Amino acid sequence: QAAPSVPVAAPTIATYPVPTPDAGI
């Protein structure tokens, strides 16, 4: 494996909170 490099942009990630707190997904 090569030494990792830093890309110019982060991946596009969308996250959605689960309505029940601490649901144990």
PDB file of all heavy atoms in Angstrom:
ATOM      1  N   GLN A   1       0.846  -1.185   0.000  1.00  0.00           N
ATOM      2  CA  GLN A   1       0.000   0.000   0.000  1.00  0.00           C
ATOM      3  C   GLN A   1       0.881   1.234   0.000  1.00  0.00           C
ATOM      4  O   GLN A   1       1.900   1.289   0.681  1.00  0.00           O
ATOM      5  CB  GLN A   1      -0.905   0.026   1.240  1.00  0.00           C
ATOM      6  CG  GLN A   1      -1.912  -1.119   1.280  1.00  0.00           C
ATOM      7  CD  GLN A   1      -3.101  -0.858   0.393  1.00  0.00           C
ATOM      8  OE1 GLN A   1      -3.370   0.281   0.022  1.00  0.00           O
ATOM      9  NE2 GLN A   1      -3.813  -1.900   0.024  1.00  0.00           N
ATOM     10  N   ALA A   2       0.488   2.205  -0.760  1.00  0.00           N
ATOM     11  CA  ALA A   2       1.266   3.439  -0.846  1.00  0.00           C
ATOM     12  C   ALA A   2       0.890   4.375   0.283  1.00  0.00           C
ATOM     13  O   ALA A   2      -0.142   4.232   0.924  1.00  0.00           O
ATOM     14  CB  ALA A   2       1.000   4.127  -2.181  1.00  0.00           C
ATOM     15  N   ALA A   3       1.748   5.353   0.500  1.00  0.00           N
ATOM     16  CA  ALA A   3       1.407   6.393   1.464  1.00  0.00           C
ATOM     17  C   ALA A   3       0.176   7.122   0.972  1.00  0.00           C
ATOM     18  O   ALA A   3       0.084   7.485  -0.200  1.00  0.00           O
ATOM     19  CB  ALA A   3       2.576   7.360   1.614  1.00  0.00           C
ATOM     20  N   PRO A   4      -0.837   7.299   1.822  1.00  0.00           N
ATOM     21  CA  PRO A   4      -2.074   7.942   1.370  1.00  0.00           C
ATOM     22  C   PRO A   4      -1.854   9.409   1.027  1.00  0.00           C
ATOM     23  O   PRO A   4      -0.931  10.054   1.501  1.00  0.00           O
ATOM     24  CB  PRO A   4      -3.009   7.786   2.571  1.00  0.00           C
ATOM     25  CG  PRO A   4      -2.094   7.599   3.729  1.00  0.00           C
ATOM     26  CD  PRO A   4      -0.883   6.902   3.209  1.00  0.00           C
ATOM     27  N   SER A   5      -2.715   9.909   0.169  1.00  0.00           N
ATOM     28  CA  SER A   5      -2.644  11.308  -0.214  1.00  0.00           C
ATOM     29  C   SER A   5      -3.956  11.991   0.137  1.00  0.00           C
ATOM     30  O   SER A   5      -4.976  11.351   0.287  1.00  0.00           O
ATOM     31  CB  SER A   5      -2.368  11.454  -1.712  1.00  0.00           C
ATOM     32  OG  SER A   5      -3.400  10.857  -2.448  1.00  0.00           O
ATOM     33  N   VAL A   6      -3.933  13.285   0.273  1.00  0.00           N
ATOM     34  CA  VAL A   6      -5.123  14.038   0.652  1.00  0.00           C
ATOM     35  C   VAL A   6      -5.823  14.548  -0.601  1.00  0.00           C
ATOM     36  O   VAL A   6      -5.234  15.276  -1.393  1.00  0.00           O
ATOM     37  CB  VAL A   6      -4.754  15.228   1.555  1.00  0.00           C
ATOM     38  CG1 VAL A   6      -5.996  16.018   1.926  1.00  0.00           C
ATOM     39  CG2 VAL A   6      -4.047  14.721   2.806  1.00  0.00           C
ATOM     40  N   PRO A   7      -7.066  14.163  -0.852  1.00  0.00           N
ATOM     41  CA  PRO A   7      -7.781  14.631  -2.030  1.00  0.00           C
ATOM     42  C   PRO A   7      -8.169  16.098  -1.884  1.00  0.00           C
ATOM     43  O   PRO A   7      -8.110  16.666  -0.808  1.00  0.00           O
ATOM     44  CB  PRO A   7      -9.007  13.728  -2.070  1.00  0.00           C
ATOM     45  CG  PRO A   7      -9.232  13.348  -0.648  1.00  0.00           C
ATOM     46  CD  PRO A   7      -7.861  13.241  -0.030  1.00  0.00           C
ATOM     47  N   VAL A   8      -8.620  16.671  -2.977  1.00  0.00           N
ATOM     48  CA  VAL A   8      -8.944  18.090  -2.968  1.00  0.00           C
ATOM     49  C   VAL A   8     -10.322  18.357  -2.375  1.00  0.00           C
ATOM     50  O   VAL A   8     -10.614  19.475  -1.976  1.00  0.00           O
ATOM     51  CB  VAL A   8      -8.875  18.666  -4.399  1.00  0.00           C
ATOM     52  CG1 VAL A   8      -7.450  18.590  -4.920  1.00  0.00           C
ATOM     53  CG2 VAL A   8      -9.808  17.899  -5.334  1.00  0.00           C
ATOM     54  N   ALA A   9     -11.176  17.339  -2.325  1.00  0.00           N
ATOM     55  CA  ALA A   9     -12.522  17.551  -1.800  1.00  0.00           C
ATOM     56  C   ALA A   9     -12.971  16.339  -1.013  1.00  0.00           C
ATOM     57  O   ALA A   9     -12.576  15.216  -1.306  1.00  0.00           O
ATOM     58  CB  ALA A   9     -13.500  17.829  -2.940  1.00  0.00           C
ATOM     59  N   ALA A  10     -13.786  16.568  -0.006  1.00  0.00           N
ATOM     60  CA  ALA A  10     -14.336  15.475   0.790  1.00  0.00           C
ATOM     61  C   ALA A  10     -15.470  14.803   0.015  1.00  0.00           C
ATOM     62  O   ALA A  10     -16.093  15.417  -0.850  1.00  0.00           O
ATOM     63  CB  ALA A  10     -14.862  16.022   2.112  1.00  0.00           C
ATOM     64  N   PRO A  11     -15.748  13.538   0.327  1.00  0.00           N
ATOM     65  CA  PRO A  11     -16.886  12.886  -0.338  1.00  0.00           C
ATOM     66  C   PRO A  11     -18.189  13.525   0.094  1.00  0.00           C
ATOM     67  O   PRO A  11     -18.285  14.154   1.156  1.00  0.00           O
ATOM     68  CB  PRO A  11     -16.780  11.444   0.151  1.00  0.00           C
ATOM     69  CG  PRO A  11     -16.061  11.536   1.452  1.00  0.00           C
ATOM     70  CD  PRO A  11     -15.086  12.655   1.287  1.00  0.00           C
ATOM     71  N   THR A  12     -19.196  13.373  -0.725  1.00  0.00           N
ATOM     72  CA  THR A  12     -20.510  13.917  -0.414  1.00  0.00           C
ATOM     73  C   THR A  12     -21.268  12.905   0.440  1.00  0.00           C
ATOM     74  O   THR A  12     -21.598  11.816  -0.035  1.00  0.00           O
ATOM     75  CB  THR A  12     -21.291  14.216  -1.701  1.00  0.00           C
ATOM     76  OG1 THR A  12     -20.539  15.132  -2.513  1.00  0.00           O
ATOM     77  CG2 THR A  12     -22.653  14.819  -1.380  1.00  0.00           C
ATOM     78  N   ILE A  13     -21.526  13.256   1.682  1.00  0.00           N
ATOM     79  CA  ILE A  13     -22.200  12.363   2.617  1.00  0.00           C
ATOM     80  C   ILE A  13     -23.371  13.110   3.261  1.00  0.00           C
ATOM     81  O   ILE A  13     -23.192  14.183   3.833  1.00  0.00           O
ATOM     82  CB  ILE A  13     -21.242  11.871   3.719  1.00  0.00           C
ATOM     83  CG1 ILE A  13     -20.031  11.166   3.108  1.00  0.00           C
ATOM     84  CG2 ILE A  13     -21.971  10.940   4.684  1.00  0.00           C
ATOM     85  CD1 ILE A  13     -19.000  10.728   4.128  1.00  0.00           C
ATOM     86  N   ALA A  14     -24.550  12.538   3.144  1.00  0.00           N
ATOM     87  CA  ALA A  14     -25.728  13.089   3.810  1.00  0.00           C
ATOM     88  C   ALA A  14     -26.112  12.145   4.938  1.00  0.00           C
ATOM     89  O   ALA A  14     -26.093  10.924   4.768  1.00  0.00           O
ATOM     90  CB  ALA A  14     -26.882  13.229   2.823  1.00  0.00           C
ATOM     91  N   THR A  15     -26.425  12.683   6.100  1.00  0.00           N
ATOM     92  CA  THR A  15     -26.853  11.852   7.226  1.00  0.00           C
ATOM     93  C   THR A  15     -28.198  12.316   7.745  1.00  0.00           C
ATOM     94  O   THR A  15     -28.539  13.495   7.657  1.00  0.00           O
ATOM     95  CB  THR A  15     -25.821  11.868   8.372  1.00  0.00           C
ATOM     96  OG1 THR A  15     -25.724  13.191   8.914  1.00  0.00           O
ATOM     97  CG2 THR A  15     -24.443  11.415   7.887  1.00  0.00           C
ATOM     98  N   TYR A  16     -28.948  11.347   8.294  1.00  0.00           N
ATOM     99  CA  TYR A  16     -30.310  11.619   8.751  1.00  0.00           C
ATOM    100  C   TYR A  16     -30.469  11.070  10.162  1.00  0.00           C
ATOM    101  O   TYR A  16     -30.265   9.865  10.397  1.00  0.00           O
ATOM    102  CB  TYR A  16     -31.317  10.954   7.804  1.00  0.00           C
ATOM    103  CG  TYR A  16     -31.059  11.277   6.351  1.00  0.00           C
ATOM    104  CD1 TYR A  16     -30.251  10.439   5.567  1.00  0.00           C
ATOM    105  CD2 TYR A  16     -31.586  12.415   5.755  1.00  0.00           C
ATOM    106  CE1 TYR A  16     -30.000  10.728   4.232  1.00  0.00           C
ATOM    107  CE2 TYR A  16     -31.339  12.709   4.417  1.00  0.00           C
ATOM    108  CZ  TYR A  16     -30.538  11.862   3.665  1.00  0.00           C
ATOM    109  OH  TYR A  16     -30.278  12.155   2.348  1.00  0.00           O
ATOM    110  N   PRO A  17     -30.830  11.924  11.139  1.00  0.00           N
ATOM    111  CA  PRO A  17     -30.973  11.461  12.517  1.00  0.00           C
ATOM    112  C   PRO A  17     -32.191  10.553  12.687  1.00  0.00           C
ATOM    113  O   PRO A  17     -33.264  10.815  12.145  1.00  0.00           O
ATOM    114  CB  PRO A  17     -31.139  12.761  13.312  1.00  0.00           C
ATOM    115  CG  PRO A  17     -31.691  13.738  12.320  1.00  0.00           C
ATOM    116  CD  PRO A  17     -31.096  13.365  10.993  1.00  0.00           C
ATOM    117  N   VAL A  18     -32.021   9.492  13.448  1.00  0.00           N
ATOM    118  CA  VAL A  18     -33.136   8.598  13.768  1.00  0.00           C
ATOM    119  C   VAL A  18     -33.984   9.262  14.851  1.00  0.00           C
ATOM    120  O   VAL A  18     -33.440   9.746  15.851  1.00  0.00           O
ATOM    121  CB  VAL A  18     -32.605   7.228  14.250  1.00  0.00           C
ATOM    122  CG1 VAL A  18     -33.745   6.334  14.717  1.00  0.00           C
ATOM    123  CG2 VAL A  18     -31.816   6.555  13.131  1.00  0.00           C
ATOM    124  N   PRO A  19     -35.297   9.328  14.692  1.00  0.00           N
ATOM    125  CA  PRO A  19     -36.141  10.043  15.655  1.00  0.00           C
ATOM    126  C   PRO A  19     -36.015   9.535  17.090  1.00  0.00           C
ATOM    127  O   PRO A  19     -36.049  10.330  18.034  1.00  0.00           O
ATOM    128  CB  PRO A  19     -37.558   9.818  15.113  1.00  0.00           C
ATOM    129  CG  PRO A  19     -37.355   9.623  13.636  1.00  0.00           C
ATOM    130  CD  PRO A  19     -36.057   8.870  13.514  1.00  0.00           C
ATOM    131  N   THR A  20     -35.890   8.220  17.284  1.00  0.00           N
ATOM    132  CA  THR A  20     -35.774   7.670  18.634  1.00  0.00           C
ATOM    133  C   THR A  20     -34.354   7.855  19.156  1.00  0.00           C
ATOM    134  O   THR A  20     -33.406   7.357  18.544  1.00  0.00           O
ATOM    135  CB  THR A  20     -36.137   6.177  18.644  1.00  0.00           C
ATOM    136  OG1 THR A  20     -37.484   6.016  18.206  1.00  0.00           O
ATOM    137  CG2 THR A  20     -35.987   5.585  20.046  1.00  0.00           C
ATOM    138  N   PRO A  21     -34.158   8.544  20.261  1.00  0.00           N
ATOM    139  CA  PRO A  21     -32.801   8.722  20.799  1.00  0.00           C
ATOM    140  C   PRO A  21     -32.188   7.390  21.221  1.00  0.00           C
ATOM    141  O   PRO A  21     -32.886   6.511  21.747  1.00  0.00           O
ATOM    142  CB  PRO A  21     -33.027   9.637  22.013  1.00  0.00           C
ATOM    143  CG  PRO A  21     -34.365  10.268  21.788  1.00  0.00           C
ATOM    144  CD  PRO A  21     -35.175   9.250  21.052  1.00  0.00           C
ATOM    145  N   ASP A  22     -30.888   7.252  20.975  1.00  0.00           N
ATOM    146  CA  ASP A  22     -30.148   6.047  21.379  1.00  0.00           C
ATOM    147  C   ASP A  22     -30.925   4.789  20.986  1.00  0.00           C
ATOM    148  O   ASP A  22     -31.178   3.899  21.809  1.00  0.00           O
ATOM    149  CB  ASP A  22     -29.892   6.064  22.888  1.00  0.00           C
ATOM    150  CG  ASP A  22     -28.870   5.009  23.304  1.00  0.00           C
ATOM    151  OD1 ASP A  22     -28.051   4.594  22.465  1.00  0.00           O
ATOM    152  OD2 ASP A  22     -28.905   4.599  24.484  1.00  0.00           O
ATOM    153  N   ALA A  23     -31.287   4.702  19.714  1.00  0.00           N
ATOM    154  CA  ALA A  23     -32.157   3.623  19.238  1.00  0.00           C
ATOM    155  C   ALA A  23     -31.466   2.269  19.185  1.00  0.00           C
ATOM    156  O   ALA A  23     -32.122   1.234  19.145  1.00  0.00           O
ATOM    157  CB  ALA A  23     -32.698   3.971  17.851  1.00  0.00           C
ATOM    158  N   GLY A  24     -30.131   2.257  19.183  1.00  0.00           N
ATOM    159  CA  GLY A  24     -29.416   0.988  19.070  1.00  0.00           C
ATOM    160  C   GLY A  24     -29.521   0.416  17.663  1.00  0.00           C
ATOM    161  O   GLY A  24     -29.913  -0.737  17.466  1.00  0.00           O
ATOM    162  N   ILE A  25     -29.150   1.227  16.654  1.00  0.00           N
ATOM    163  CA  ILE A  25     -29.297   0.802  15.258  1.00  0.00           C
ATOM    164  C   ILE A  25     -28.406  -0.403  14.980  1.00  0.00           C
ATOM    165  O   ILE A  25     -27.244  -0.445  15.380  1.00  0.00           O
ATOM    166  CB  ILE A  25     -28.912   1.941  14.304  1.00  0.00           C
ATOM    167  CG1 ILE A  25     -29.595   3.242  14.713  1.00  0.00           C
ATOM    168  CG2 ILE A  25     -29.276   1.581  12.877  1.00  0.00           C
ATOM    169  CD1 ILE A  25     -29.108   4.435  13.934  1.00  0.00           C
TER     170      ILE A  25
END
